[in-house]
Amino acid sequence: MSTALNRPAASRGREADGSRWSPRLWGLLIVLSLALFLDGLDVSMVAVALPSIGAELGLSTATLQWVISGYVLGFGGFLLLGGRTADLLGRRRVFLVALGVFAAASLIGGLVDSGTLLIASRFVKGVAAAFTAPTGLSILTTTFAEGRQRNRAMSVYTVFGASGFSSGLLFGGLLMSLGWRWTFFFGAPFALLALLAGLALIPKDRPDARGGYDLVGAATLTATMLLLVYTVVTAPETGWAHPVTIASFGGVVALLALFVWVENRVRHPLVRLGILRSGTLVRANVGAIALMGSFISFQFLLTLFLQQALGQTPLQMALSLLPAGILVVVSAPFADRLIGRFGTPKLIAAGLIALSTGYLLFLRVEPEFAYLGMMLPTALLLGAGFALAFPAINVQATAGVDDDEQGLAAGLVQTSAQVGGALVLAVTTAIIAVDHATGQGAAGGAAEMLVQFRPALVFVTAVALTGVLIALYPLLARGRRSAGARIAADAEAADRLAEKAGV
């Protein structure tokens, strides 16, 4: 039987440009969105369980951080390779295999009794997410025609991802009543459900016949990303000026230079460097860094303050951010209309301004914590910021990109979000300089912790505001050109009047 999902990508795109979508098309969108939700959920959900994991498995603070960092290393290090692999081997095949690995790693992570095995399962899970995330986005962008319908699909898709990030603490807090292992088990049945539905709904596609395997480029780029994430994660503990840290950054620069050299000489590069000439794509990537870097870092600071200084339980802390998650979810029906009306640059800037305002409002928090006056406004602004910026960034990153490079463009923006998030968090951690191992940050009480946190909050706000300026650059430049044109026209008119007057 011939259906919309059995036709070539171009034909499916034209059909998806209609005003009504078939149930199968909706089913495909839900499968892709569920995978993105699980990717985002895992980043923030497990953080709630870290104290219990450390107590049961006997892990030190230095070792415990790798439960989070292992996932980030796998995710950030393999995203670009995952996106390009989808273009070369076929999106359907790569997406389904990676979903299966994600489900298995989730199950294994909840069963192991060794810190080493737990961290290894987290790394494998991050690698699997590095393949599902860009592949799912490229399936979406090659199914829905660019314009209103793609914006509509993207708004649904990205609200799932944003909801995953924003609701991870809530789910983690709820699951902790059953035990920390359930924060790992949680993703397995949903990943399996998405896999089974994907087998029926994701259309078969043909790999890019023009492509090739740039193994050297893949190896050097992946090594660069892994070493960069590893360095920024370990630098706060090792020391930013330590010879090992300096040598690691030197290795990152050397590997990146080698990657650029290779990509300029191979026939089928992993990353066509010319794609970076697209200003819209580059600005979308900077926006992703500003959004995820500032949000993850603020969430980290908030978690420490609410639990260590105020003594809140994981569930109480999660409920503090619940309004943000609700706002993201209810915004879903309006995201595509906002993008169509205002354009992505304005929405990215508006979202980052909302986040910056929320961060700044939290600066006035006092030890005598009052939720309605101090936390609720920040939570609402965080939700509004994510709802505006997250869909717009993903739409802008893939707009105007050819079908055979959709996986690459998707991988680039998601790499920026993950690696940028790790970078900003590492700097934030270095600024606050709280000794988590001995609990000295909590011992000083809420007042002392707020003093320690304020410089970090200023830094997080500066990161978000930098993203605002980059997002608005085309509009600001256009305004300057328009002003210059008006001045030139006025000067020319004045010269003509002077000539007529005989001056």
Protein backbone atom coordinates (compact mmCIF):
# COMPACT_ATOMS: atom_id res chain seq x y z
CA MET A 1 0.00 0.00 0.00
CA SER A 2 1.31 3.43 -0.90
CA THR A 3 1.32 5.96 1.91
CA ALA A 4 2.90 9.32 2.55
CA LEU A 5 5.66 7.70 4.60
CA ASN A 6 6.60 5.24 1.84
CA ARG A 7 7.34 7.95 -0.71
CA PRO A 8 10.59 9.74 -1.43
CA ALA A 9 11.57 12.56 0.93
CA ALA A 10 10.69 15.30 -1.55
CA SER A 11 7.23 13.83 -2.12
CA ARG A 12 6.62 13.37 1.59
CA GLY A 13 7.68 16.97 2.13
CA ARG A 14 5.15 18.22 -0.40
CA GLU A 15 2.38 16.15 1.21
CA ALA A 16 3.38 17.31 4.68
CA ASP A 17 2.97 20.85 3.39
CA GLY A 18 -0.80 20.32 3.44
CA SER A 19 -2.98 21.81 6.10
CA ARG A 20 -3.86 18.43 7.64
CA TRP A 21 -1.50 15.61 8.57
CA SER A 22 -2.35 11.93 8.44
CA PRO A 23 -2.33 9.85 11.66
CA ARG A 24 0.85 8.12 10.44
CA LEU A 25 2.57 11.46 10.01
CA TRP A 26 1.53 12.49 13.51
CA GLY A 27 2.74 9.11 14.79
CA LEU A 28 6.14 9.65 13.18
CA LEU A 29 6.42 13.09 14.78
CA ILE A 30 5.54 11.68 18.22
CA VAL A 31 8.18 8.92 17.90
CA LEU A 32 10.89 11.43 17.02
CA SER A 33 9.73 13.79 19.76
CA LEU A 34 9.73 11.04 22.40
CA ALA A 35 13.35 10.20 21.63
CA LEU A 36 14.35 13.85 22.02
CA PHE A 37 12.38 14.07 25.28
CA LEU A 38 14.34 11.13 26.69
CA ASP A 39 17.64 12.70 25.63
CA GLY A 40 16.81 15.95 27.40
CA LEU A 41 15.29 14.23 30.44
CA ASP A 42 18.40 12.20 31.14
CA VAL A 43 20.64 15.26 31.30
CA SER A 44 18.85 16.74 34.31
CA MET A 45 17.02 13.81 35.96
CA VAL A 46 20.00 11.79 37.16
CA ALA A 47 21.55 14.79 38.93
CA VAL A 48 18.89 14.48 41.65
CA ALA A 49 20.03 10.93 42.44
CA LEU A 50 23.76 11.61 42.80
CA PRO A 51 23.92 11.76 46.64
CA SER A 52 22.09 8.42 46.96
CA ILE A 53 24.25 6.81 44.26
CA GLY A 54 27.43 7.92 46.01
CA ALA A 55 26.24 6.63 49.39
CA GLU A 56 25.19 3.19 48.12
CA LEU A 57 28.13 2.53 45.78
CA GLY A 58 30.73 4.22 47.96
CA LEU A 59 31.81 6.75 45.34
CA SER A 60 33.83 9.84 46.16
CA THR A 61 32.70 13.25 44.97
CA ALA A 62 35.43 13.26 42.30
CA THR A 63 34.24 9.89 40.98
CA LEU A 64 30.55 10.72 41.32
CA GLN A 65 30.78 13.64 38.91
CA TRP A 66 31.51 11.17 36.11
CA VAL A 67 27.99 9.78 36.35
CA ILE A 68 26.99 13.07 34.73
CA SER A 69 30.20 13.78 32.83
CA GLY A 70 30.27 10.32 31.25
CA TYR A 71 26.96 11.00 29.56
CA VAL A 72 28.11 14.45 28.42
CA LEU A 73 31.35 13.01 27.03
CA GLY A 74 29.49 10.44 24.97
CA PHE A 75 26.79 12.87 23.84
CA GLY A 76 28.98 15.86 23.00
CA GLY A 77 31.85 13.85 21.58
CA PHE A 78 29.89 11.81 19.03
CA LEU A 79 27.09 14.16 17.92
CA LEU A 80 28.65 15.25 14.64
CA LEU A 81 29.68 11.71 13.83
CA GLY A 82 26.12 10.61 14.60
CA GLY A 83 24.61 13.19 12.28
CA ARG A 84 26.93 12.37 9.39
CA THR A 85 26.52 8.63 9.90
CA ALA A 86 22.76 9.07 9.50
CA ASP A 87 23.32 10.83 6.18
CA LEU A 88 25.63 8.08 4.94
CA LEU A 89 24.05 4.87 6.29
CA GLY A 90 20.39 5.85 6.30
CA ARG A 91 18.47 7.76 8.92
CA ARG A 92 15.94 5.04 9.75
CA ARG A 93 18.57 2.38 10.39
CA VAL A 94 20.80 4.61 12.53
CA PHE A 95 17.88 6.00 14.57
CA LEU A 96 16.40 2.59 15.43
CA VAL A 97 19.72 0.95 16.30
CA ALA A 98 20.68 3.88 18.54
CA LEU A 99 17.28 3.72 20.29
CA GLY A 100 17.87 0.07 21.06
CA VAL A 101 21.29 0.81 22.53
CA PHE A 102 19.80 3.67 24.59
CA ALA A 103 17.16 1.33 26.06
CA ALA A 104 19.74 -1.36 26.89
CA ALA A 105 22.13 1.15 28.52
CA SER A 106 19.25 2.53 30.61
CA LEU A 107 18.42 -0.93 31.91
CA ILE A 108 22.04 -1.87 32.61
CA GLY A 109 22.67 1.43 34.42
CA GLY A 110 19.93 0.61 36.92
CA LEU A 111 21.20 -2.93 37.56
CA VAL A 112 24.94 -2.51 38.09
CA ASP A 113 26.59 -2.38 41.52
CA SER A 114 29.92 -0.95 40.38
CA GLY A 115 30.74 2.71 39.94
CA THR A 116 32.98 1.90 36.95
CA LEU A 117 30.24 -0.05 35.18
CA LEU A 118 27.70 2.65 35.96
CA ILE A 119 29.89 5.34 34.41
CA ALA A 120 30.57 3.10 31.41
CA SER A 121 26.83 2.58 30.87
CA ARG A 122 26.33 6.34 31.06
CA PHE A 123 28.98 6.90 28.41
CA VAL A 124 27.37 4.33 26.09
CA LYS A 125 23.98 5.93 26.69
CA GLY A 126 25.40 9.33 25.79
CA VAL A 127 26.83 7.92 22.56
CA ALA A 128 23.43 6.44 21.69
CA ALA A 129 21.79 9.82 22.30
CA ALA A 130 24.43 11.39 20.05
CA PHE A 131 23.03 9.28 17.21
CA THR A 132 19.29 9.56 17.94
CA ALA A 133 19.23 13.35 18.43
CA PRO A 134 20.63 14.60 15.08
CA THR A 135 19.13 11.65 13.18
CA GLY A 136 15.65 12.32 14.52
CA LEU A 137 15.90 15.99 13.64
CA SER A 138 17.09 15.23 10.11
CA ILE A 139 14.19 12.76 9.61
CA LEU A 140 11.81 15.54 10.63
CA THR A 141 13.34 18.21 8.41
CA THR A 142 13.39 15.93 5.36
CA THR A 143 9.76 14.87 5.93
CA PHE A 144 8.16 18.28 6.51
CA ALA A 145 8.60 20.96 3.85
CA GLU A 146 10.51 24.06 4.88
CA GLY A 147 8.21 26.88 5.92
CA ARG A 148 5.01 26.90 7.94
CA GLN A 149 4.57 23.12 8.17
CA ARG A 150 8.15 22.45 9.20
CA ASN A 151 7.88 25.23 11.77
CA ARG A 152 4.71 23.62 13.07
CA ALA A 153 6.37 20.19 13.31
CA MET A 154 9.50 21.70 14.84
CA SER A 155 7.48 23.48 17.51
CA VAL A 156 5.97 20.15 18.63
CA TYR A 157 9.34 18.38 18.40
CA THR A 158 11.36 20.96 20.29
CA VAL A 159 8.78 21.44 23.03
CA PHE A 160 9.32 17.76 23.88
CA GLY A 161 13.05 18.39 24.13
CA ALA A 162 12.59 21.53 26.18
CA SER A 163 10.11 19.72 28.42
CA GLY A 164 12.66 16.96 28.95
CA PHE A 165 15.29 19.41 30.13
CA SER A 166 12.89 21.44 32.26
CA SER A 167 11.01 18.50 33.84
CA GLY A 168 14.02 16.26 34.52
CA LEU A 169 14.33 17.48 38.11
CA LEU A 170 10.63 16.84 38.73
CA PHE A 171 10.74 13.27 37.43
CA GLY A 172 13.98 12.66 39.31
CA GLY A 173 12.46 13.92 42.54
CA LEU A 174 9.39 11.70 42.13
CA LEU A 175 11.38 8.60 41.25
CA MET A 176 13.73 9.01 44.20
CA SER A 177 10.88 7.85 46.44
CA LEU A 178 11.36 4.43 44.78
CA GLY A 179 15.18 4.54 44.81
CA TRP A 180 17.92 5.99 42.64
CA ARG A 181 17.94 3.00 40.26
CA TRP A 182 14.54 4.02 38.93
CA THR A 183 16.01 7.21 37.50
CA PHE A 184 17.95 4.88 35.16
CA PHE A 185 15.17 2.34 34.54
CA PHE A 186 12.70 5.08 33.64
CA GLY A 187 13.94 5.66 30.09
CA ALA A 188 14.17 1.99 29.05
CA PRO A 189 10.46 1.16 28.42
CA PHE A 190 9.83 4.46 26.64
CA ALA A 191 12.87 3.99 24.40
CA LEU A 192 11.66 0.46 23.61
CA LEU A 193 8.16 1.77 22.86
CA ALA A 194 9.61 4.40 20.49
CA LEU A 195 11.72 1.70 18.81
CA LEU A 196 8.72 -0.56 18.14
CA ALA A 197 6.61 2.33 16.86
CA GLY A 198 9.52 3.57 14.76
CA LEU A 199 9.81 0.21 13.01
CA ALA A 200 6.28 0.74 11.70
CA LEU A 201 6.24 4.50 11.15
CA ILE A 202 9.71 5.67 10.10
CA PRO A 203 10.02 5.41 6.31
CA LYS A 204 12.89 3.63 4.65
CA ASP A 205 15.38 6.01 3.09
CA ARG A 206 18.32 5.70 0.78
CA PRO A 207 21.79 6.54 2.07
CA ASP A 208 23.58 9.40 0.35
CA ALA A 209 25.14 7.72 -2.70
CA ARG A 210 27.48 10.67 -3.17
CA GLY A 211 28.92 10.31 0.31
CA GLY A 212 32.00 8.55 1.59
CA TYR A 213 33.60 7.64 4.88
CA ASP A 214 35.96 10.23 6.24
CA LEU A 215 37.38 8.01 8.95
CA VAL A 216 40.35 10.25 9.73
CA GLY A 217 38.09 13.28 10.03
CA ALA A 218 35.67 11.37 12.23
CA ALA A 219 38.48 10.17 14.49
CA THR A 220 40.13 13.60 14.84
CA LEU A 221 36.88 15.50 15.40
CA THR A 222 35.55 13.00 17.92
CA ALA A 223 38.88 13.04 19.75
CA THR A 224 38.77 16.85 19.77
CA MET A 225 35.28 16.91 21.27
CA LEU A 226 36.09 14.22 23.83
CA LEU A 227 39.29 15.92 24.93
CA LEU A 228 37.60 19.33 25.10
CA VAL A 229 34.71 18.08 27.23
CA TYR A 230 37.08 16.06 29.41
CA THR A 231 39.33 19.08 29.93
CA VAL A 232 36.59 21.53 30.86
CA VAL A 233 34.97 19.00 33.21
CA THR A 234 38.21 18.19 35.06
CA ALA A 235 39.80 21.66 35.00
CA PRO A 236 38.00 22.99 38.12
CA GLU A 237 39.41 20.13 40.17
CA THR A 238 42.84 19.95 38.51
CA GLY A 239 43.27 23.72 38.21
CA TRP A 240 42.90 25.95 35.16
CA ALA A 241 46.61 26.91 35.26
CA HIS A 242 47.83 23.36 35.98
CA PRO A 243 50.27 22.00 33.36
CA VAL A 244 47.97 19.05 32.69
CA THR A 245 45.05 21.38 31.91
CA ILE A 246 47.20 23.62 29.70
CA ALA A 247 48.56 20.58 27.88
CA SER A 248 45.03 19.26 27.37
CA PHE A 249 43.88 22.55 25.83
CA GLY A 250 46.99 22.48 23.65
CA GLY A 251 46.00 19.00 22.53
CA VAL A 252 42.50 20.27 21.67
CA VAL A 253 43.97 23.02 19.49
CA ALA A 254 46.34 20.58 17.77
CA LEU A 255 43.58 18.06 17.07
CA LEU A 256 41.25 20.77 15.77
CA ALA A 257 43.96 22.07 13.43
CA LEU A 258 44.54 18.51 12.19
CA PHE A 259 40.81 18.08 11.60
CA VAL A 260 40.59 21.29 9.54
CA TRP A 261 43.63 20.19 7.52
CA VAL A 262 42.05 16.80 6.83
CA GLU A 263 38.63 18.23 5.90
CA ASN A 264 40.19 20.53 3.32
CA ARG A 265 41.84 17.59 1.57
CA VAL A 266 39.48 14.61 1.63
CA ARG A 267 36.95 14.00 -1.13
CA HIS A 268 33.98 13.41 1.18
CA PRO A 269 34.59 15.38 4.39
CA LEU A 270 32.75 14.61 7.61
CA VAL A 271 31.99 18.33 7.94
CA ARG A 272 31.84 20.45 4.82
CA LEU A 273 33.52 23.52 6.27
CA GLY A 274 31.69 25.73 3.79
CA ILE A 275 28.49 25.16 5.78
CA LEU A 276 29.99 27.39 8.47
CA ARG A 277 29.83 30.32 6.07
CA SER A 278 26.10 30.43 6.81
CA GLY A 279 25.64 33.25 9.28
CA THR A 280 22.20 32.01 10.31
CA LEU A 281 23.57 28.57 11.19
CA VAL A 282 26.53 30.00 13.14
CA ARG A 283 24.26 32.35 15.09
CA ALA A 284 21.92 29.45 15.89
CA ASN A 285 24.87 27.51 17.29
CA VAL A 286 25.95 30.45 19.44
CA GLY A 287 22.35 30.74 20.65
CA ALA A 288 22.40 27.05 21.61
CA ILE A 289 25.56 27.59 23.66
CA ALA A 290 24.07 30.63 25.41
CA LEU A 291 20.76 28.88 26.11
CA MET A 292 21.99 25.51 27.37
CA GLY A 293 25.17 26.83 28.97
CA SER A 294 23.37 29.41 31.06
CA PHE A 295 20.36 27.20 31.88
CA ILE A 296 22.34 24.12 32.97
CA SER A 297 24.69 26.27 35.05
CA PHE A 298 21.82 28.10 36.74
CA GLN A 299 20.08 24.81 37.45
CA PHE A 300 23.30 23.55 39.05
CA LEU A 301 23.54 26.63 41.30
CA LEU A 302 19.86 26.43 42.18
CA THR A 303 20.13 22.74 43.10
CA LEU A 304 23.01 23.42 45.50
CA PHE A 305 21.30 26.40 47.09
CA LEU A 306 17.89 24.83 47.63
CA GLN A 307 19.18 21.47 48.90
CA GLN A 308 22.38 22.39 50.75
CA ALA A 309 21.54 25.85 52.10
CA LEU A 310 17.78 25.56 52.58
CA GLY A 311 17.60 21.82 53.22
CA GLN A 312 14.89 21.10 50.66
CA THR A 313 14.26 17.53 49.50
CA PRO A 314 14.77 16.59 45.82
CA LEU A 315 11.00 16.62 45.31
CA GLN A 316 10.59 20.07 46.92
CA MET A 317 13.36 21.40 44.71
CA ALA A 318 11.76 19.86 41.63
CA LEU A 319 8.38 21.39 42.44
CA SER A 320 10.04 24.81 42.67
CA LEU A 321 10.76 24.60 38.93
CA LEU A 322 7.46 22.96 37.97
CA PRO A 323 5.93 26.25 36.63
CA ALA A 324 8.78 26.48 34.11
CA GLY A 325 8.01 23.01 32.74
CA ILE A 326 4.28 23.69 32.58
CA LEU A 327 4.85 26.93 30.67
CA VAL A 328 7.02 25.15 28.11
CA VAL A 329 4.37 22.48 27.52
CA VAL A 330 1.41 24.84 27.11
CA SER A 331 3.39 27.00 24.67
CA ALA A 332 3.66 24.19 22.11
CA PRO A 333 0.63 25.13 19.96
CA PHE A 334 1.91 28.68 19.50
CA ALA A 335 5.61 28.21 18.72
CA ASP A 336 5.23 27.80 14.95
CA ARG A 337 2.92 30.83 14.72
CA LEU A 338 5.39 32.98 16.64
CA ILE A 339 8.25 31.85 14.39
CA GLY A 340 6.22 32.60 11.29
CA ARG A 341 5.22 36.03 12.55
CA PHE A 342 8.38 37.34 14.20
CA GLY A 343 11.19 35.23 12.75
CA THR A 344 13.80 33.19 14.60
CA PRO A 345 16.34 35.94 15.50
CA LYS A 346 13.81 37.98 17.48
CA LEU A 347 12.47 34.90 19.28
CA ILE A 348 15.95 33.66 20.19
CA ALA A 349 16.81 37.10 21.54
CA ALA A 350 13.50 37.38 23.43
CA GLY A 351 13.99 33.95 24.99
CA LEU A 352 17.52 34.74 26.14
CA ILE A 353 16.38 38.11 27.50
CA ALA A 354 13.69 36.31 29.54
CA LEU A 355 16.29 33.89 30.89
CA SER A 356 18.70 36.74 31.72
CA THR A 357 15.94 38.58 33.59
CA GLY A 358 15.14 35.43 35.56
CA TYR A 359 18.80 35.00 36.52
CA LEU A 360 19.06 38.65 37.58
CA LEU A 361 15.90 38.42 39.68
CA PHE A 362 17.41 35.50 41.55
CA LEU A 363 20.31 37.76 42.58
CA ARG A 364 17.95 39.45 45.03
CA VAL A 365 17.19 36.17 46.82
CA GLU A 366 17.78 36.37 50.57
CA PRO A 367 18.40 33.68 53.20
CA GLU A 368 14.80 34.17 54.37
CA PHE A 369 13.53 32.45 51.23
CA ALA A 370 9.98 33.26 50.06
CA TYR A 371 8.91 31.19 47.07
CA LEU A 372 6.15 33.43 45.66
CA GLY A 373 8.23 36.59 45.72
CA MET A 374 11.67 35.19 44.93
CA MET A 375 11.49 31.86 43.07
CA LEU A 376 8.21 31.90 41.17
CA PRO A 377 9.06 34.93 38.93
CA THR A 378 12.37 33.31 38.00
CA ALA A 379 10.72 29.95 37.25
CA LEU A 380 8.14 31.60 34.97
CA LEU A 381 10.82 33.55 33.11
CA LEU A 382 12.89 30.40 32.65
CA GLY A 383 9.90 28.63 31.15
CA ALA A 384 9.10 31.54 28.84
CA GLY A 385 12.73 31.82 27.76
CA PHE A 386 13.04 28.14 26.91
CA ALA A 387 9.67 28.11 25.13
CA LEU A 388 10.70 31.01 22.88
CA ALA A 389 14.35 30.25 22.20
CA PHE A 390 14.59 26.45 21.98
CA PRO A 391 12.30 25.88 18.96
CA ALA A 392 13.61 28.99 17.18
CA ILE A 393 17.24 27.87 17.52
CA ASN A 394 16.50 24.47 15.97
CA VAL A 395 14.47 25.96 13.13
CA GLN A 396 17.17 28.51 12.33
CA ALA A 397 19.96 25.90 12.47
CA THR A 398 18.40 23.73 9.75
CA ALA A 399 16.73 26.37 7.58
CA GLY A 400 18.03 26.50 4.01
CA VAL A 401 20.23 23.40 4.45
CA ASP A 402 20.11 20.71 1.75
CA ASP A 403 18.50 17.37 2.66
CA ASP A 404 21.81 15.50 2.46
CA GLU A 405 23.31 17.81 5.12
CA GLN A 406 20.36 18.02 7.50
CA GLY A 407 22.02 15.47 9.79
CA LEU A 408 25.19 17.54 9.82
CA ALA A 409 23.37 20.78 10.60
CA ALA A 410 21.37 19.10 13.37
CA GLY A 411 24.52 17.56 14.81
CA LEU A 412 26.31 20.90 14.80
CA VAL A 413 23.66 22.74 16.82
CA GLN A 414 23.26 19.90 19.31
CA THR A 415 27.03 19.60 19.70
CA SER A 416 27.14 23.32 20.47
CA ALA A 417 24.44 22.87 23.11
CA GLN A 418 26.17 19.94 24.84
CA VAL A 419 29.80 21.05 24.62
CA GLY A 420 28.85 24.67 25.29
CA GLY A 421 26.82 23.59 28.29
CA ALA A 422 29.79 21.66 29.70
CA LEU A 423 32.11 24.61 29.09
CA VAL A 424 29.92 27.19 30.80
CA LEU A 425 29.21 24.82 33.71
CA ALA A 426 32.92 24.20 34.23
CA VAL A 427 33.63 27.93 34.41
CA THR A 428 30.65 28.43 36.73
CA THR A 429 31.94 25.69 39.03
CA ALA A 430 35.38 27.29 39.11
CA ILE A 431 33.88 30.67 40.04
CA ILE A 432 31.89 29.49 43.04
CA ALA A 433 34.80 27.36 44.36
CA VAL A 434 32.58 25.44 46.80
CA ASP A 435 34.13 22.40 48.45
CA HIS A 436 31.40 19.84 47.80
CA ALA A 437 33.40 16.97 49.24
CA THR A 438 33.53 18.43 52.75
CA GLY A 439 30.25 20.31 52.51
CA GLN A 440 31.87 23.63 53.47
CA GLY A 441 29.56 25.45 51.08
CA ALA A 442 26.55 24.34 53.03
CA ALA A 443 28.17 24.78 56.44
CA GLY A 444 28.38 28.54 55.98
CA GLY A 445 24.63 28.77 55.64
CA ALA A 446 22.41 30.38 53.05
CA ALA A 447 23.88 33.87 53.43
CA GLU A 448 27.46 32.76 52.77
CA MET A 449 26.41 30.56 49.86
CA LEU A 450 24.57 33.47 48.24
CA VAL A 451 27.72 35.59 48.49
CA GLN A 452 29.70 32.80 46.82
CA PHE A 453 27.08 32.33 44.11
CA ARG A 454 26.53 35.94 43.04
CA PRO A 455 29.65 36.23 40.81
CA ALA A 456 28.66 32.96 39.13
CA LEU A 457 25.11 34.23 38.58
CA VAL A 458 26.51 37.38 36.98
CA PHE A 459 28.65 35.22 34.68
CA VAL A 460 25.67 33.03 33.73
CA THR A 461 23.65 36.16 32.94
CA ALA A 462 26.50 37.56 30.82
CA VAL A 463 26.56 34.33 28.78
CA ALA A 464 22.83 34.66 28.03
CA LEU A 465 23.12 38.37 27.15
CA THR A 466 26.00 37.62 24.77
CA GLY A 467 23.65 35.26 22.97
CA VAL A 468 21.11 38.10 22.72
CA LEU A 469 23.61 40.37 20.97
CA ILE A 470 24.68 37.64 18.53
CA ALA A 471 21.07 36.76 17.72
CA LEU A 472 20.17 40.39 17.04
CA TYR A 473 23.32 41.15 15.03
CA PRO A 474 21.60 40.91 11.59
CA LEU A 475 18.81 43.22 12.74
CA LEU A 476 21.25 45.70 14.29
CA ALA A 477 23.44 45.64 11.18
CA ARG A 478 20.40 46.14 8.97
CA GLY A 479 19.36 49.09 11.12
CA ARG A 480 22.81 50.66 10.77
CA ARG A 481 22.72 50.16 7.00
CA SER A 482 19.25 51.71 6.83
CA ALA A 483 20.38 54.66 8.93
CA GLY A 484 23.46 55.08 6.74
CA ALA A 485 21.31 54.98 3.62
CA ARG A 486 18.98 57.61 5.05
CA ILE A 487 21.91 59.88 5.95
CA ALA A 488 23.36 59.46 2.47
CA ALA A 489 19.99 60.23 0.88
CA ASP A 490 19.55 63.31 3.07
CA ALA A 491 23.05 64.51 2.16
CA GLU A 492 22.36 64.01 -1.54
CA ALA A 493 19.08 65.90 -1.26
CA ALA A 494 20.86 68.74 0.55
CA ASP A 495 23.47 68.93 -2.21
CA ARG A 496 20.77 69.20 -4.85
CA LEU A 497 19.04 71.99 -2.94
CA ALA A 498 22.36 73.78 -2.58
CA GLU A 499 22.99 73.52 -6.32
CA LYS A 500 19.56 74.96 -7.08
CA ALA A 501 20.19 77.79 -4.64
CA GLY A 502 23.53 78.52 -6.32
CA VAL A 503 25.56 77.87 -3.15
